[in-house]
């Protein structure tokens, strides 16, 4: 007699690409709302990554502490040289120093409220940072593999991932297979993200 099937249990999931309303004209929800919602949904953690900024960190951290929720804080690095966006998460105090230095470099080059960064800026400031590369909508395999290899060479071992998410355009299976091939070629793992911009759809 075959053993009874056990009910499936959802795997623990933490969303690592959430944008607050400190990312002007991109994020639609406050840091507080974005921390409360995944707790309600049963997620095990959340990563806050605002566009070239760590502005949402303090409020998110305060709320996460109150409700006992795991929070990772970093920044979504958006480049002026057409490089894909990269989520940067400090692993230690050195990483925080590198990230804030990088953001300062970009803001010093730009007018108030803007930040101008290029990939070489990041490659000179990788110590203590973990990275999730977010592929663009249109993927050039050669360029993306080259970028991943450069970032991997400049970073600590096992500190680079390639983000994957569904775009719901009808070609998600093909896109995911392509990203897997790219990750395999660059010898880095894939990681699931959802690029969250709001805590409820009506926002």
N, C-alpha and C. Protein backbone atom coordinates (compact mmCIF):
# COMPACT_ATOMS: atom_id res chain seq x y z
N UNK A 1 0.85 -1.20 0.00
CA UNK A 1 0.00 0.00 0.00
C UNK A 1 0.88 1.24 0.00
N UNK A 2 0.56 2.17 -0.87
CA UNK A 2 1.35 3.40 -0.98
C UNK A 2 1.09 4.28 0.23
N UNK A 3 2.14 4.94 0.75
CA UNK A 3 1.95 5.83 1.91
C UNK A 3 1.08 7.02 1.55
N UNK A 4 0.34 7.49 2.52
CA UNK A 4 -0.51 8.65 2.29
C UNK A 4 0.34 9.86 1.95
N UNK A 5 -0.12 10.65 1.01
CA UNK A 5 0.61 11.86 0.61
C UNK A 5 0.45 12.94 1.67
N UNK A 6 1.57 13.53 2.01
CA UNK A 6 1.53 14.63 2.98
C UNK A 6 1.11 15.92 2.28
N UNK A 7 0.34 16.76 2.95
CA UNK A 7 -0.03 18.04 2.33
C UNK A 7 1.21 18.88 2.07
N UNK A 8 1.21 19.53 0.91
CA UNK A 8 2.37 20.34 0.54
C UNK A 8 2.45 21.58 1.42
N UNK A 9 3.66 21.93 1.79
CA UNK A 9 3.89 23.12 2.61
C UNK A 9 4.69 24.12 1.79
N UNK A 10 4.21 25.35 1.67
CA UNK A 10 4.95 26.34 0.88
C UNK A 10 6.37 26.52 1.40
N UNK A 11 7.30 26.63 0.49
CA UNK A 11 8.68 26.87 0.88
C UNK A 11 8.82 28.28 1.45
N UNK A 12 9.67 28.46 2.46
CA UNK A 12 9.89 29.81 2.99
C UNK A 12 10.37 30.75 1.90
N UNK A 13 9.84 31.95 1.88
CA UNK A 13 10.22 32.91 0.83
C UNK A 13 10.41 34.29 1.45
N UNK A 14 11.49 34.94 1.06
CA UNK A 14 11.73 36.33 1.45
C UNK A 14 11.85 37.15 0.17
N UNK A 15 11.11 38.23 0.09
CA UNK A 15 11.19 39.11 -1.08
C UNK A 15 12.37 40.06 -0.92
N UNK A 16 13.28 40.05 -1.89
CA UNK A 16 14.51 40.84 -1.78
C UNK A 16 14.57 42.03 -2.73
N UNK A 17 13.45 42.36 -3.36
CA UNK A 17 13.44 43.53 -4.26
C UNK A 17 12.18 44.34 -4.04
N UNK A 18 12.16 45.12 -2.96
CA UNK A 18 11.01 45.95 -2.65
C UNK A 18 11.42 47.42 -2.63
N UNK A 19 10.61 48.24 -3.28
CA UNK A 19 10.91 49.67 -3.43
C UNK A 19 9.89 50.50 -2.67
N UNK A 20 10.33 51.42 -1.83
CA UNK A 20 9.41 52.28 -1.07
C UNK A 20 9.11 53.56 -1.86
N UNK A 21 8.22 54.39 -1.27
CA UNK A 21 7.90 55.66 -1.93
C UNK A 21 9.02 56.69 -1.80
N UNK A 22 10.14 56.31 -1.16
CA UNK A 22 11.31 57.18 -1.21
C UNK A 22 11.97 57.14 -2.59
N UNK A 23 11.61 56.13 -3.39
CA UNK A 23 12.03 56.11 -4.80
C UNK A 23 10.95 56.83 -5.58
N UNK A 24 11.11 58.13 -5.76
CA UNK A 24 10.09 59.01 -6.32
C UNK A 24 9.64 58.53 -7.69
N UNK A 25 8.31 58.49 -7.90
CA UNK A 25 7.67 58.09 -9.15
C UNK A 25 7.92 56.62 -9.50
N UNK A 26 8.37 55.83 -8.51
CA UNK A 26 8.53 54.38 -8.73
C UNK A 26 7.80 53.59 -7.65
N UNK A 27 8.24 53.71 -6.40
CA UNK A 27 7.58 53.01 -5.31
C UNK A 27 6.31 53.73 -4.89
N UNK A 28 5.26 52.97 -4.56
CA UNK A 28 3.97 53.58 -4.25
C UNK A 28 3.56 53.43 -2.80
N UNK A 29 4.30 52.65 -2.01
CA UNK A 29 3.91 52.39 -0.62
C UNK A 29 5.02 52.80 0.34
N UNK A 30 4.63 53.11 1.57
CA UNK A 30 5.60 53.51 2.57
C UNK A 30 6.41 52.30 3.05
N UNK A 31 7.52 52.57 3.68
CA UNK A 31 8.35 51.50 4.23
C UNK A 31 7.55 50.71 5.26
N UNK A 32 6.77 51.39 6.08
CA UNK A 32 5.95 50.72 7.10
C UNK A 32 4.97 49.75 6.46
N UNK A 33 4.29 50.19 5.40
CA UNK A 33 3.30 49.33 4.73
C UNK A 33 3.98 48.12 4.09
N UNK A 34 5.16 48.34 3.51
CA UNK A 34 5.86 47.25 2.84
C UNK A 34 6.41 46.22 3.82
N UNK A 35 6.66 46.61 5.04
CA UNK A 35 7.12 45.66 6.05
C UNK A 35 5.93 44.89 6.64
N UNK A 36 4.81 45.55 6.88
CA UNK A 36 3.65 44.91 7.46
C UNK A 36 3.02 43.87 6.53
N UNK A 37 2.94 44.18 5.24
CA UNK A 37 2.23 43.30 4.31
C UNK A 37 2.86 41.91 4.18
N UNK A 38 4.16 41.76 3.96
CA UNK A 38 4.72 40.41 3.85
C UNK A 38 4.60 39.61 5.15
N UNK A 39 4.62 40.31 6.26
CA UNK A 39 4.39 39.63 7.55
C UNK A 39 2.99 39.00 7.55
N UNK A 40 2.00 39.76 7.07
CA UNK A 40 0.62 39.26 7.00
C UNK A 40 0.51 38.09 6.03
N UNK A 41 1.30 38.10 4.96
CA UNK A 41 1.23 37.06 3.93
C UNK A 41 2.03 35.82 4.27
N UNK A 42 2.79 35.87 5.37
CA UNK A 42 3.55 34.70 5.79
C UNK A 42 4.94 34.59 5.21
N UNK A 43 5.44 35.67 4.61
CA UNK A 43 6.82 35.65 4.13
C UNK A 43 7.76 35.64 5.33
N UNK A 44 8.98 35.14 5.11
CA UNK A 44 9.93 35.05 6.23
C UNK A 44 10.83 36.28 6.33
N UNK A 45 10.80 37.15 5.32
CA UNK A 45 11.64 38.34 5.38
C UNK A 45 11.41 39.24 4.18
N UNK A 46 12.04 40.42 4.23
CA UNK A 46 11.88 41.41 3.18
C UNK A 46 13.19 42.18 3.00
N UNK A 47 13.49 42.52 1.76
CA UNK A 47 14.64 43.36 1.47
C UNK A 47 14.18 44.67 0.87
N UNK A 48 14.58 45.78 1.47
CA UNK A 48 14.24 47.12 0.98
C UNK A 48 15.40 47.64 0.13
N UNK A 49 15.11 47.99 -1.13
CA UNK A 49 16.15 48.50 -2.02
C UNK A 49 15.61 49.67 -2.82
N UNK A 50 15.82 50.87 -2.34
CA UNK A 50 15.38 52.06 -3.07
C UNK A 50 16.39 52.46 -4.14
N UNK A 51 15.92 53.21 -5.11
CA UNK A 51 16.74 53.60 -6.26
C UNK A 51 17.87 54.53 -5.83
N UNK A 52 19.11 54.04 -5.93
CA UNK A 52 20.31 54.80 -5.60
C UNK A 52 20.17 55.54 -4.26
N UNK A 53 19.61 54.84 -3.29
CA UNK A 53 19.34 55.49 -2.00
C UNK A 53 19.12 54.44 -0.91
N UNK A 54 19.40 54.83 0.33
CA UNK A 54 19.03 54.01 1.49
C UNK A 54 18.06 54.79 2.37
N UNK A 55 17.29 55.69 1.75
CA UNK A 55 16.42 56.59 2.50
C UNK A 55 15.32 55.87 3.26
N UNK A 56 14.83 54.74 2.76
CA UNK A 56 13.73 54.05 3.42
C UNK A 56 14.15 53.12 4.54
N UNK A 57 15.44 53.04 4.77
CA UNK A 57 15.99 52.05 5.70
C UNK A 57 15.53 52.27 7.14
N UNK A 58 15.61 53.49 7.64
CA UNK A 58 15.33 53.75 9.05
C UNK A 58 13.89 53.40 9.41
N UNK A 59 12.93 53.86 8.62
CA UNK A 59 11.52 53.58 8.93
C UNK A 59 11.20 52.09 8.79
N UNK A 60 11.78 51.45 7.77
CA UNK A 60 11.55 50.02 7.59
C UNK A 60 12.12 49.23 8.77
N UNK A 61 13.31 49.59 9.19
CA UNK A 61 13.96 48.89 10.29
C UNK A 61 13.17 49.07 11.59
N UNK A 62 12.67 50.27 11.83
CA UNK A 62 11.91 50.53 13.04
C UNK A 62 10.65 49.67 13.10
N UNK A 63 9.93 49.57 11.98
CA UNK A 63 8.71 48.76 11.95
C UNK A 63 9.03 47.28 12.06
N UNK A 64 10.07 46.83 11.38
CA UNK A 64 10.44 45.41 11.45
C UNK A 64 10.80 45.00 12.87
N UNK A 65 11.43 45.90 13.60
CA UNK A 65 11.81 45.62 14.98
C UNK A 65 10.58 45.50 15.87
N UNK A 66 9.58 46.35 15.63
CA UNK A 66 8.36 46.34 16.44
C UNK A 66 7.61 45.02 16.26
N UNK A 67 7.52 44.52 15.02
CA UNK A 67 6.70 43.33 14.76
C UNK A 67 7.53 42.04 14.73
N UNK A 68 8.84 42.14 14.95
CA UNK A 68 9.68 40.96 14.96
C UNK A 68 9.82 40.30 13.61
N UNK A 69 10.14 41.09 12.59
CA UNK A 69 10.21 40.59 11.21
C UNK A 69 11.62 40.79 10.67
N UNK A 70 12.11 39.80 9.92
CA UNK A 70 13.46 39.88 9.37
C UNK A 70 13.51 40.87 8.21
N UNK A 71 14.48 41.77 8.27
CA UNK A 71 14.61 42.80 7.24
C UNK A 71 16.05 42.91 6.78
N UNK A 72 16.22 42.95 5.47
CA UNK A 72 17.53 43.24 4.88
C UNK A 72 17.42 44.60 4.20
N UNK A 73 18.46 45.40 4.31
CA UNK A 73 18.41 46.74 3.72
C UNK A 73 19.62 46.95 2.82
N UNK A 74 19.35 47.54 1.67
CA UNK A 74 20.41 47.80 0.71
C UNK A 74 19.98 48.92 -0.22
N UNK A 75 20.38 48.85 -1.48
CA UNK A 75 20.02 49.87 -2.46
C UNK A 75 19.93 49.23 -3.84
N UNK A 76 19.05 49.79 -4.65
CA UNK A 76 18.96 49.38 -6.06
C UNK A 76 19.83 50.34 -6.85
N UNK A 77 20.94 49.84 -7.36
CA UNK A 77 21.87 50.69 -8.11
C UNK A 77 21.41 50.78 -9.56
N UNK A 78 21.11 52.00 -9.97
CA UNK A 78 20.66 52.27 -11.34
C UNK A 78 21.75 53.07 -12.03
N UNK A 79 22.22 52.58 -13.16
CA UNK A 79 23.41 53.13 -13.80
C UNK A 79 23.08 54.01 -15.00
N UNK A 80 24.00 54.91 -15.30
CA UNK A 80 23.83 55.83 -16.43
C UNK A 80 24.45 55.28 -17.71
N UNK A 81 25.08 54.10 -17.64
CA UNK A 81 25.78 53.55 -18.81
C UNK A 81 25.06 52.34 -19.40
N UNK A 82 23.76 52.23 -19.16
CA UNK A 82 22.93 51.17 -19.72
C UNK A 82 23.19 49.80 -19.11
N UNK A 83 23.95 49.73 -18.03
CA UNK A 83 24.12 48.46 -17.32
C UNK A 83 22.80 48.10 -16.63
N UNK A 84 22.52 46.80 -16.47
CA UNK A 84 21.29 46.42 -15.76
C UNK A 84 21.31 46.89 -14.31
N UNK A 85 20.13 47.10 -13.74
CA UNK A 85 20.04 47.45 -12.32
C UNK A 85 20.62 46.31 -11.48
N UNK A 86 21.25 46.69 -10.37
CA UNK A 86 21.85 45.70 -9.47
C UNK A 86 21.45 46.03 -8.04
N UNK A 87 20.91 45.05 -7.33
CA UNK A 87 20.62 45.22 -5.91
C UNK A 87 21.89 44.96 -5.12
N UNK A 88 22.24 45.89 -4.26
CA UNK A 88 23.46 45.76 -3.45
C UNK A 88 23.07 45.69 -1.98
N UNK A 89 23.46 44.59 -1.32
CA UNK A 89 23.17 44.39 0.09
C UNK A 89 24.47 44.28 0.89
N UNK A 90 24.69 45.17 1.84
CA UNK A 90 25.89 45.06 2.68
C UNK A 90 25.85 43.79 3.54
N UNK A 91 26.98 43.10 3.60
CA UNK A 91 27.10 41.91 4.43
C UNK A 91 27.69 42.24 5.79
N UNK A 92 28.30 43.43 5.92
CA UNK A 92 28.98 43.81 7.16
C UNK A 92 29.19 45.33 7.16
N UNK A 93 29.90 45.81 8.17
CA UNK A 93 30.13 47.25 8.29
C UNK A 93 30.94 47.79 7.10
N UNK A 94 31.90 46.99 6.65
CA UNK A 94 32.69 47.40 5.48
C UNK A 94 31.79 47.59 4.27
N UNK A 95 30.84 46.68 4.10
CA UNK A 95 29.91 46.79 2.99
C UNK A 95 29.06 48.04 3.05
N UNK A 96 28.62 48.40 4.27
CA UNK A 96 27.84 49.64 4.42
C UNK A 96 28.69 50.85 4.03
N UNK A 97 29.95 50.82 4.43
CA UNK A 97 30.84 51.92 4.06
C UNK A 97 31.02 52.03 2.56
N UNK A 98 31.17 50.88 1.90
CA UNK A 98 31.34 50.88 0.45
C UNK A 98 30.08 51.37 -0.26
N UNK A 99 28.92 50.91 0.22
CA UNK A 99 27.67 51.30 -0.43
C UNK A 99 27.41 52.80 -0.27
N UNK A 100 27.56 53.31 0.93
CA UNK A 100 27.31 54.74 1.14
C UNK A 100 28.34 55.60 0.40
N UNK A 101 29.57 55.11 0.31
CA UNK A 101 30.59 55.84 -0.46
C UNK A 101 30.21 55.88 -1.94
N UNK A 102 29.75 54.75 -2.44
CA UNK A 102 29.35 54.67 -3.84
C UNK A 102 28.20 55.63 -4.14
N UNK A 103 27.20 55.67 -3.26
CA UNK A 103 26.07 56.57 -3.45
C UNK A 103 26.50 58.03 -3.35
N UNK A 104 27.45 58.31 -2.47
CA UNK A 104 27.96 59.68 -2.35
C UNK A 104 28.67 60.11 -3.62
N UNK A 105 29.45 59.21 -4.20
CA UNK A 105 30.14 59.50 -5.47
C UNK A 105 29.12 59.87 -6.54
N UNK A 106 28.06 59.07 -6.65
CA UNK A 106 27.05 59.33 -7.67
C UNK A 106 26.29 60.61 -7.45
N UNK A 107 25.98 60.94 -6.20
CA UNK A 107 25.23 62.16 -5.91
C UNK A 107 26.08 63.41 -6.08
N UNK A 108 27.38 63.31 -5.80
CA UNK A 108 28.27 64.45 -5.98
C UNK A 108 28.40 64.85 -7.45
N UNK A 109 28.15 63.92 -8.37
CA UNK A 109 28.26 64.19 -9.80
C UNK A 109 26.99 64.82 -10.38
N UNK A 110 25.90 64.70 -9.65
CA UNK A 110 24.60 65.05 -10.22
C UNK A 110 23.98 66.24 -9.52
N UNK A 111 22.90 66.74 -10.11
CA UNK A 111 22.11 67.78 -9.47
C UNK A 111 21.36 67.17 -8.29
N UNK A 112 20.86 68.02 -7.42
CA UNK A 112 20.18 67.55 -6.22
C UNK A 112 19.04 66.60 -6.58
N UNK A 113 18.98 65.49 -5.89
CA UNK A 113 17.93 64.52 -6.12
C UNK A 113 18.26 63.45 -7.14
N UNK A 114 19.42 63.56 -7.78
CA UNK A 114 19.81 62.58 -8.78
C UNK A 114 21.10 61.89 -8.35
N UNK A 115 21.49 60.86 -9.08
CA UNK A 115 22.68 60.10 -8.77
C UNK A 115 23.22 59.51 -10.07
N UNK A 116 24.46 59.79 -10.40
CA UNK A 116 25.05 59.31 -11.65
C UNK A 116 26.14 58.31 -11.33
N UNK A 117 25.86 57.04 -11.66
CA UNK A 117 26.81 55.96 -11.41
C UNK A 117 27.05 55.18 -12.69
N UNK A 118 28.24 54.59 -12.79
CA UNK A 118 28.55 53.69 -13.90
C UNK A 118 29.05 52.37 -13.32
N UNK A 119 29.06 51.34 -14.13
CA UNK A 119 29.50 50.04 -13.65
C UNK A 119 30.92 50.07 -13.09
N UNK A 120 31.88 50.78 -13.72
CA UNK A 120 33.23 50.83 -13.12
C UNK A 120 33.24 51.37 -11.70
N UNK A 121 32.33 52.30 -11.38
CA UNK A 121 32.24 52.80 -10.00
C UNK A 121 31.96 51.65 -9.04
N UNK A 122 31.02 50.79 -9.43
CA UNK A 122 30.67 49.66 -8.58
C UNK A 122 31.82 48.67 -8.47
N UNK A 123 32.48 48.38 -9.58
CA UNK A 123 33.54 47.38 -9.58
C UNK A 123 34.70 47.78 -8.69
N UNK A 124 34.82 49.07 -8.39
CA UNK A 124 35.87 49.54 -7.48
C UNK A 124 35.42 49.54 -6.03
N UNK A 125 34.15 49.22 -5.78
CA UNK A 125 33.61 49.29 -4.41
C UNK A 125 32.75 48.08 -4.08
N UNK A 126 33.28 46.88 -4.29
CA UNK A 126 32.48 45.67 -4.09
C UNK A 126 32.69 45.00 -2.73
N UNK A 127 33.72 45.42 -2.01
CA UNK A 127 34.07 44.72 -0.77
C UNK A 127 32.91 44.77 0.24
N UNK A 128 32.57 43.60 0.79
CA UNK A 128 31.54 43.53 1.81
C UNK A 128 30.12 43.64 1.29
N UNK A 129 29.93 43.53 -0.02
CA UNK A 129 28.59 43.66 -0.60
C UNK A 129 28.17 42.37 -1.29
N UNK A 130 26.87 42.06 -1.20
CA UNK A 130 26.25 40.99 -1.97
C UNK A 130 25.42 41.63 -3.08
N UNK A 131 25.35 40.96 -4.24
CA UNK A 131 24.69 41.56 -5.40
C UNK A 131 23.67 40.62 -6.03
N UNK A 132 22.54 41.21 -6.43
CA UNK A 132 21.56 40.52 -7.27
C UNK A 132 21.42 41.34 -8.54
N UNK A 133 21.84 40.78 -9.65
CA UNK A 133 21.73 41.46 -10.94
C UNK A 133 20.33 41.24 -11.50
N UNK A 134 19.65 42.31 -11.85
CA UNK A 134 18.29 42.22 -12.39
C UNK A 134 18.36 42.33 -13.92
N UNK A 135 18.04 41.27 -14.63
CA UNK A 135 18.15 41.31 -16.09
C UNK A 135 17.13 42.28 -16.69
N UNK A 136 17.49 42.95 -17.77
CA UNK A 136 16.54 43.85 -18.43
C UNK A 136 15.43 43.07 -19.12
N UNK A 137 14.40 43.75 -19.55
CA UNK A 137 13.30 43.08 -20.26
C UNK A 137 13.83 42.35 -21.49
N UNK A 138 14.69 43.02 -22.25
CA UNK A 138 15.29 42.38 -23.42
C UNK A 138 16.70 41.94 -23.04
N UNK A 139 16.94 40.65 -23.13
CA UNK A 139 18.19 40.07 -22.64
C UNK A 139 19.16 39.83 -23.78
N UNK A 140 20.35 40.39 -23.64
CA UNK A 140 21.46 40.07 -24.53
C UNK A 140 22.37 39.11 -23.75
N UNK A 141 22.34 37.84 -24.10
CA UNK A 141 23.04 36.81 -23.33
C UNK A 141 24.53 37.11 -23.19
N UNK A 142 25.17 37.48 -24.29
CA UNK A 142 26.61 37.73 -24.26
C UNK A 142 26.95 38.86 -23.29
N UNK A 143 26.22 39.97 -23.39
CA UNK A 143 26.50 41.13 -22.52
C UNK A 143 26.24 40.81 -21.05
N UNK A 144 25.16 40.06 -20.78
CA UNK A 144 24.81 39.76 -19.40
C UNK A 144 25.82 38.79 -18.78
N UNK A 145 26.25 37.80 -19.54
CA UNK A 145 27.27 36.87 -19.04
C UNK A 145 28.56 37.61 -18.75
N UNK A 146 28.94 38.52 -19.64
CA UNK A 146 30.17 39.30 -19.45
C UNK A 146 30.09 40.14 -18.18
N UNK A 147 28.94 40.80 -17.96
CA UNK A 147 28.77 41.61 -16.76
C UNK A 147 28.85 40.74 -15.50
N UNK A 148 28.17 39.61 -15.51
CA UNK A 148 28.17 38.73 -14.33
C UNK A 148 29.58 38.25 -14.01
N UNK A 149 30.34 37.91 -15.03
CA UNK A 149 31.70 37.44 -14.80
C UNK A 149 32.59 38.56 -14.24
N UNK A 150 32.43 39.76 -14.76
CA UNK A 150 33.22 40.89 -14.25
C UNK A 150 32.89 41.17 -12.80
N UNK A 151 31.60 41.16 -12.47
CA UNK A 151 31.18 41.42 -11.10
C UNK A 151 31.66 40.32 -10.17
N UNK A 152 31.59 39.09 -10.64
CA UNK A 152 32.04 37.95 -9.83
C UNK A 152 33.54 38.04 -9.56
N UNK A 153 34.32 38.42 -10.57
CA UNK A 153 35.77 38.54 -10.41
C UNK A 153 36.14 39.64 -9.42
N UNK A 154 35.33 40.70 -9.38
CA UNK A 154 35.63 41.84 -8.51
C UNK A 154 35.09 41.65 -7.10
N UNK A 155 34.28 40.63 -6.89
CA UNK A 155 33.60 40.45 -5.61
C UNK A 155 34.13 39.25 -4.85
N UNK A 156 33.66 39.12 -3.63
CA UNK A 156 34.00 37.95 -2.82
C UNK A 156 33.31 36.72 -3.39
N UNK A 157 33.79 35.56 -3.03
CA UNK A 157 33.20 34.30 -3.51
C UNK A 157 31.76 34.18 -3.03
N UNK A 158 30.91 33.72 -3.92
CA UNK A 158 29.50 33.49 -3.62
C UNK A 158 28.78 34.74 -3.15
N UNK A 159 28.98 35.84 -3.81
CA UNK A 159 28.29 37.08 -3.43
C UNK A 159 27.50 37.68 -4.59
N UNK A 160 27.34 36.93 -5.68
CA UNK A 160 26.62 37.43 -6.86
C UNK A 160 25.55 36.42 -7.26
N UNK A 161 24.33 36.92 -7.49
CA UNK A 161 23.20 36.11 -7.96
C UNK A 161 22.58 36.81 -9.17
N UNK A 162 21.88 36.02 -9.98
CA UNK A 162 21.10 36.56 -11.09
C UNK A 162 19.63 36.47 -10.72
N UNK A 163 18.95 37.61 -10.67
CA UNK A 163 17.54 37.64 -10.30
C UNK A 163 16.64 37.14 -11.42
N UNK A 164 15.58 36.46 -11.04
CA UNK A 164 14.58 35.99 -12.00
C UNK A 164 13.20 36.34 -11.50
N UNK A 165 12.33 36.70 -12.43
CA UNK A 165 10.94 36.99 -12.07
C UNK A 165 10.07 36.81 -13.31
N UNK A 166 8.80 36.56 -13.10
CA UNK A 166 7.85 36.46 -14.21
C UNK A 166 7.43 37.86 -14.66
N UNK A 167 7.42 38.07 -15.97
CA UNK A 167 6.96 39.34 -16.53
C UNK A 167 5.53 39.22 -17.05
N UNK A 168 5.00 38.00 -17.10
CA UNK A 168 3.62 37.74 -17.54
C UNK A 168 3.34 38.32 -18.92
N UNK A 169 4.28 38.03 -19.85
CA UNK A 169 4.09 38.48 -21.24
C UNK A 169 3.82 37.29 -22.16
N UNK A 170 3.75 36.08 -21.60
CA UNK A 170 3.50 34.91 -22.41
C UNK A 170 4.75 34.10 -22.75
N UNK A 171 5.92 34.65 -22.44
CA UNK A 171 7.16 33.94 -22.77
C UNK A 171 8.01 33.67 -21.53
N UNK A 172 7.35 33.56 -20.37
CA UNK A 172 8.10 33.43 -19.12
C UNK A 172 8.93 32.14 -19.06
N UNK A 173 8.41 31.03 -19.57
CA UNK A 173 9.17 29.78 -19.54
C UNK A 173 10.44 29.90 -20.37
N UNK A 174 10.32 30.49 -21.54
CA UNK A 174 11.49 30.65 -22.41
C UNK A 174 12.50 31.61 -21.77
N UNK A 175 11.99 32.67 -21.16
CA UNK A 175 12.88 33.65 -20.51
C UNK A 175 13.62 33.00 -19.33
N UNK A 176 12.90 32.23 -18.53
CA UNK A 176 13.52 31.58 -17.39
C UNK A 176 14.59 30.58 -17.83
N UNK A 177 14.31 29.83 -18.90
CA UNK A 177 15.31 28.89 -19.43
C UNK A 177 16.55 29.63 -19.91
N UNK A 178 16.34 30.78 -20.54
CA UNK A 178 17.46 31.58 -21.03
C UNK A 178 18.31 32.10 -19.87
N UNK A 179 17.64 32.58 -18.82
CA UNK A 179 18.36 33.07 -17.65
C UNK A 179 19.13 31.96 -16.95
N UNK A 180 18.56 30.76 -16.93
CA UNK A 180 19.27 29.62 -16.34
C UNK A 180 20.54 29.32 -17.12
N UNK A 181 20.45 29.36 -18.45
CA UNK A 181 21.64 29.12 -19.28
C UNK A 181 22.71 30.18 -19.03
N UNK A 182 22.28 31.43 -18.87
CA UNK A 182 23.21 32.53 -18.61
C UNK A 182 23.88 32.33 -17.25
N UNK A 183 23.09 31.99 -16.25
CA UNK A 183 23.64 31.78 -14.91
C UNK A 183 24.63 30.62 -14.91
N UNK A 184 24.30 29.55 -15.62
CA UNK A 184 25.20 28.40 -15.70
C UNK A 184 26.51 28.79 -16.38
N UNK A 185 26.42 29.59 -17.44
CA UNK A 185 27.61 30.01 -18.17
C UNK A 185 28.51 30.89 -17.31
N UNK A 186 27.89 31.69 -16.43
CA UNK A 186 28.66 32.58 -15.56
C UNK A 186 29.02 31.93 -14.23
N UNK A 187 28.51 30.70 -14.02
CA UNK A 187 28.76 29.94 -12.79
C UNK A 187 28.27 30.67 -11.54
N UNK A 188 27.05 31.19 -11.64
CA UNK A 188 26.42 31.84 -10.48
C UNK A 188 25.00 31.29 -10.32
N UNK A 189 24.42 31.35 -9.12
CA UNK A 189 23.06 30.84 -8.91
C UNK A 189 21.99 31.85 -9.31
N UNK A 190 20.80 31.32 -9.58
CA UNK A 190 19.62 32.14 -9.79
C UNK A 190 18.95 32.41 -8.44
N UNK A 191 18.20 33.51 -8.37
CA UNK A 191 17.42 33.81 -7.16
C UNK A 191 16.12 34.48 -7.58
N UNK A 192 15.02 34.08 -6.97
CA UNK A 192 13.70 34.61 -7.33
C UNK A 192 13.44 35.94 -6.64
N UNK A 193 12.97 36.91 -7.41
CA UNK A 193 12.53 38.20 -6.88
C UNK A 193 11.25 38.61 -7.61
N UNK A 194 10.52 39.55 -7.04
CA UNK A 194 9.26 39.98 -7.67
C UNK A 194 9.23 41.47 -8.00
N UNK A 195 10.28 42.20 -7.65
CA UNK A 195 10.36 43.63 -7.96
C UNK A 195 9.11 44.36 -7.46
N UNK A 196 8.89 44.31 -6.16
CA UNK A 196 7.67 44.84 -5.53
C UNK A 196 7.69 46.37 -5.49
N UNK A 197 6.58 46.99 -5.94
CA UNK A 197 6.47 48.44 -5.96
C UNK A 197 5.33 48.97 -5.06
N UNK A 198 4.50 48.08 -4.54
CA UNK A 198 3.37 48.51 -3.70
C UNK A 198 2.93 47.35 -2.83
N UNK A 199 2.23 47.66 -1.72
CA UNK A 199 1.83 46.60 -0.80
C UNK A 199 0.45 46.02 -1.14
N UNK A 200 -0.38 46.78 -1.83
CA UNK A 200 -1.68 46.29 -2.33
C UNK A 200 -1.89 46.85 -3.74
N UNK A 201 -2.57 46.11 -4.63
CA UNK A 201 -2.70 46.53 -6.01
C UNK A 201 -3.34 47.91 -6.20
N UNK A 202 -4.30 48.28 -5.36
CA UNK A 202 -4.99 49.55 -5.56
C UNK A 202 -4.06 50.74 -5.39
N UNK A 203 -2.93 50.56 -4.66
CA UNK A 203 -1.99 51.67 -4.49
C UNK A 203 -1.33 52.04 -5.83
